[in-house]
Protein backbone atom coordinates (compact mmCIF):
# COMPACT_ATOMS: atom_id res chain seq x y z
CA MET A 1 18.64 -27.67 21.67
CA THR A 2 21.38 -26.50 23.94
CA LYS A 3 22.22 -23.37 25.98
CA GLU A 4 25.70 -22.01 26.58
CA GLU A 5 27.13 -19.24 28.66
CA ALA A 6 29.12 -16.67 26.64
CA GLY A 7 30.49 -13.71 28.57
CA GLY A 8 27.68 -13.85 31.12
CA LYS A 9 24.92 -14.10 28.46
CA GLU A 10 22.97 -17.22 27.69
CA ILE A 11 23.02 -18.19 24.00
CA ASN A 12 20.55 -20.72 22.56
CA PHE A 13 21.63 -23.13 19.76
CA VAL A 14 19.82 -25.67 17.62
CA THR A 15 21.70 -28.30 15.63
CA LEU A 16 20.38 -29.19 12.17
CA ASN A 17 22.09 -31.68 9.92
CA GLY A 18 25.28 -31.33 11.93
CA ASN A 19 25.26 -27.55 11.72
CA ARG A 20 24.83 -25.32 14.76
CA PHE A 21 22.59 -22.24 14.60
CA LYS A 22 21.89 -19.43 17.16
CA PHE A 23 18.30 -18.76 17.73
CA ASN A 24 16.09 -16.39 19.74
CA LYS A 25 12.39 -16.01 20.38
CA ASP A 26 11.88 -15.12 16.61
CA GLY A 27 13.64 -18.34 15.39
CA ILE A 28 16.96 -18.88 13.51
CA ASP A 29 16.34 -16.90 10.35
CA THR A 30 17.31 -13.30 9.56
CA VAL A 31 15.73 -11.94 6.50
CA GLU A 32 16.57 -8.65 4.71
CA PHE A 33 14.99 -7.49 1.50
CA TYR A 34 17.08 -5.79 -1.11
CA ILE A 35 15.66 -3.56 -3.87
CA SER A 36 16.88 -1.63 -6.84
CA THR A 37 14.46 1.23 -7.47
CA ASN A 38 16.11 2.42 -10.64
CA ALA A 39 17.60 0.68 -13.58
CA GLY A 40 21.42 0.20 -13.41
CA GLU A 41 21.51 0.53 -9.61
CA LEU A 42 22.75 -2.25 -7.35
CA PRO A 43 20.21 -3.64 -4.91
CA LYS A 44 20.37 -2.07 -1.49
CA PRO A 45 18.52 -2.90 1.79
CA LEU A 46 14.76 -1.96 1.41
CA VAL A 47 14.75 -0.52 4.90
CA LYS A 48 17.49 2.01 3.99
CA VAL A 49 16.39 3.18 0.58
CA ALA A 50 12.63 2.92 0.34
CA SER A 51 10.17 5.64 1.20
CA GLY A 52 6.78 4.77 2.81
CA GLY A 53 5.19 4.85 -0.61
CA GLU A 54 7.85 2.59 -2.11
CA VAL A 55 7.42 0.10 0.80
CA SER A 56 3.67 0.10 0.13
CA ARG A 57 4.26 -0.61 -3.60
CA VAL A 58 6.73 -3.38 -2.89
CA MET A 59 4.09 -4.87 -0.61
CA LEU A 60 1.53 -4.50 -3.37
CA SER A 61 3.81 -6.44 -5.72
CA LEU A 62 4.44 -9.18 -3.20
CA LYS A 63 0.76 -9.49 -2.27
CA SER A 64 -0.12 -9.56 -6.00
CA VAL A 65 2.22 -12.50 -6.55
CA LEU A 66 0.95 -14.30 -3.51
CA ALA A 67 -2.74 -13.37 -3.69
CA GLY A 68 -4.17 -16.78 -4.28
CA MET A 69 -2.17 -18.37 -1.42
CA ASP A 70 -2.55 -15.70 1.31
CA GLN A 71 -5.13 -16.06 3.97
CA ILE A 72 -5.10 -12.42 5.13
CA PRO A 73 -8.64 -11.11 4.57
CA VAL A 74 -7.95 -7.27 4.59
CA LEU A 75 -5.01 -5.41 3.16
CA VAL A 76 -4.45 -1.67 3.96
CA PHE A 77 -2.30 0.50 1.67
CA ASP A 78 -1.47 3.94 3.02
CA GLU A 79 0.75 6.36 1.10
CA ILE A 80 0.87 4.00 -1.93
CA ASP A 81 0.60 7.11 -4.13
CA THR A 82 3.64 8.89 -2.64
CA GLY A 83 6.00 10.08 -5.39
CA ILE A 84 4.12 8.64 -8.37
CA SER A 85 2.23 10.36 -11.16
CA GLY A 86 -0.58 9.59 -13.55
CA ARG A 87 0.61 6.67 -15.68
CA ILE A 88 2.14 4.77 -12.72
CA ALA A 89 -0.91 5.61 -10.58
CA GLN A 90 -3.16 3.90 -13.16
CA LYS A 91 -0.94 0.79 -12.94
CA VAL A 92 -1.09 0.88 -9.15
CA GLY A 93 -4.87 1.32 -9.27
CA SER A 94 -5.15 -1.63 -11.65
CA ALA A 95 -3.02 -3.77 -9.48
CA LEU A 96 -5.12 -2.94 -6.46
CA LYS A 97 -8.28 -3.71 -8.38
CA THR A 98 -6.94 -7.13 -9.36
CA LEU A 99 -5.80 -7.80 -5.83
CA SER A 100 -9.33 -7.04 -4.55
CA ASN A 101 -10.48 -10.26 -6.21
CA PHE A 102 -8.62 -12.01 -3.36
CA HIS A 103 -8.68 -9.60 -0.44
CA GLN A 104 -10.62 -6.69 0.90
CA ILE A 105 -8.48 -3.66 0.01
CA ILE A 106 -8.44 -0.40 1.86
CA ALA A 107 -6.38 2.19 0.08
CA ILE A 108 -5.81 5.74 1.25
CA THR A 109 -4.99 7.81 -1.84
CA HIS A 110 -4.96 11.40 -3.12
CA LEU A 111 -4.64 10.45 -6.69
CA PRO A 112 -7.70 10.34 -8.89
CA GLN A 113 -6.18 7.59 -11.14
CA ILE A 114 -6.21 5.20 -8.06
CA ALA A 115 -9.46 6.43 -6.57
CA ALA A 116 -11.26 5.75 -9.88
CA PHE A 117 -10.76 2.01 -9.42
CA SER A 118 -12.62 1.82 -6.21
CA ASP A 119 -15.83 -0.12 -5.71
CA LEU A 120 -16.59 1.92 -2.65
CA HIS A 121 -15.33 5.41 -1.98
CA PHE A 122 -15.23 7.06 1.41
CA SER A 123 -14.40 10.73 2.21
CA VAL A 124 -12.58 11.51 5.42
CA VAL A 125 -13.17 15.05 6.71
CA LYS A 126 -11.67 16.68 9.79
CA ILE A 127 -13.80 19.40 11.38
CA GLU A 128 -12.53 21.86 13.95
CA ASN A 129 -15.09 23.21 16.38
CA GLU A 130 -14.39 25.28 19.49
CA GLY A 131 -10.78 24.08 19.88
CA SER A 132 -11.32 20.43 19.22
CA THR A 133 -11.11 18.34 16.10
CA SER A 134 -13.38 15.50 15.10
CA THR A 135 -12.98 13.16 12.04
CA HIS A 136 -15.99 12.10 9.95
CA VAL A 137 -15.99 9.25 7.46
CA ASN A 138 -18.73 9.37 4.87
CA ARG A 139 -19.55 6.64 2.30
CA LEU A 140 -20.08 8.31 -1.07
CA GLY A 141 -22.68 7.56 -3.59
CA GLU A 142 -21.82 7.42 -7.33
CA SER A 143 -22.31 11.16 -8.07
CA GLU A 144 -20.51 12.09 -4.82
CA LYS A 145 -17.61 9.85 -5.94
CA VAL A 146 -17.52 11.66 -9.31
CA ASN A 147 -17.35 15.03 -7.44
CA GLU A 148 -14.62 13.81 -5.04
CA ILE A 149 -12.46 12.52 -7.94
CA ALA A 150 -13.08 15.89 -9.72
CA LYS A 151 -11.77 17.64 -6.59
CA LEU A 152 -8.70 15.47 -6.71
CA ILE A 153 -8.19 16.59 -10.25
CA SER A 154 -8.81 20.29 -9.98
CA GLY A 155 -8.70 21.24 -6.37
CA ALA A 156 -11.47 22.75 -4.28
CA GLU A 157 -13.32 24.25 -7.32
CA ILE A 158 -15.06 21.55 -9.38
CA THR A 159 -15.10 22.56 -13.01
CA GLY A 160 -16.90 21.03 -16.00
CA ALA A 161 -13.58 19.81 -17.25
CA SER A 162 -12.66 18.06 -13.99
CA LEU A 163 -16.09 16.47 -13.73
CA LYS A 164 -15.74 15.20 -17.37
CA SER A 165 -12.22 13.92 -16.57
CA ALA A 166 -13.43 12.21 -13.40
CA LYS A 167 -16.22 10.43 -15.33
CA GLU A 168 -13.70 9.33 -17.97
CA LEU A 169 -11.32 7.93 -15.35
CA MET A 170 -14.08 6.00 -13.71
CA ALA A 171 -15.51 4.73 -16.95
CA GLY A 172 -12.13 3.75 -18.41
CA GLU A 173 -10.48 2.22 -15.27
CA GLY A 174 -10.70 -1.22 -16.78
CA LEU A 175 -8.70 -0.09 -19.84
CA PHE A 176 -5.53 0.41 -17.81
CA SER A 177 -5.08 -3.27 -16.80
């Protein structure tokens, strides 16, 4: 390991197999992920083309591939449902369910197709009272989970059709693997 002066700045070098590499506190490697989000497109830097939801889905893909080797106990996926619809949401939900065999998964979602795959379901509610806001997290029982998924389907008013759909989603979640 050597240090040199270059224009008043100290530069650190390491020599490996006769090759000299600059390094800093993070090491010698610089990694950039490239992704093509649509067929026929050239890969572009992930950081420049991916939304928050796409980054979450790329992370889900990587974690799914590495699941058996990774020692991280808890994975959090926020905005994983951004910009996707029913069919893809079912695939994402199925992938999360499979990944839960290796890790504790926390997924924040607004899509019933993903929520139906959960083993435990929590509702997060913000309450405003006299100029201040408090957040409450409630663990839902089975019937409350059905109602919450029905709300995701139909909005504030729970209908017979949305309850039926919620139950079908929950009962059929294993069919989408």
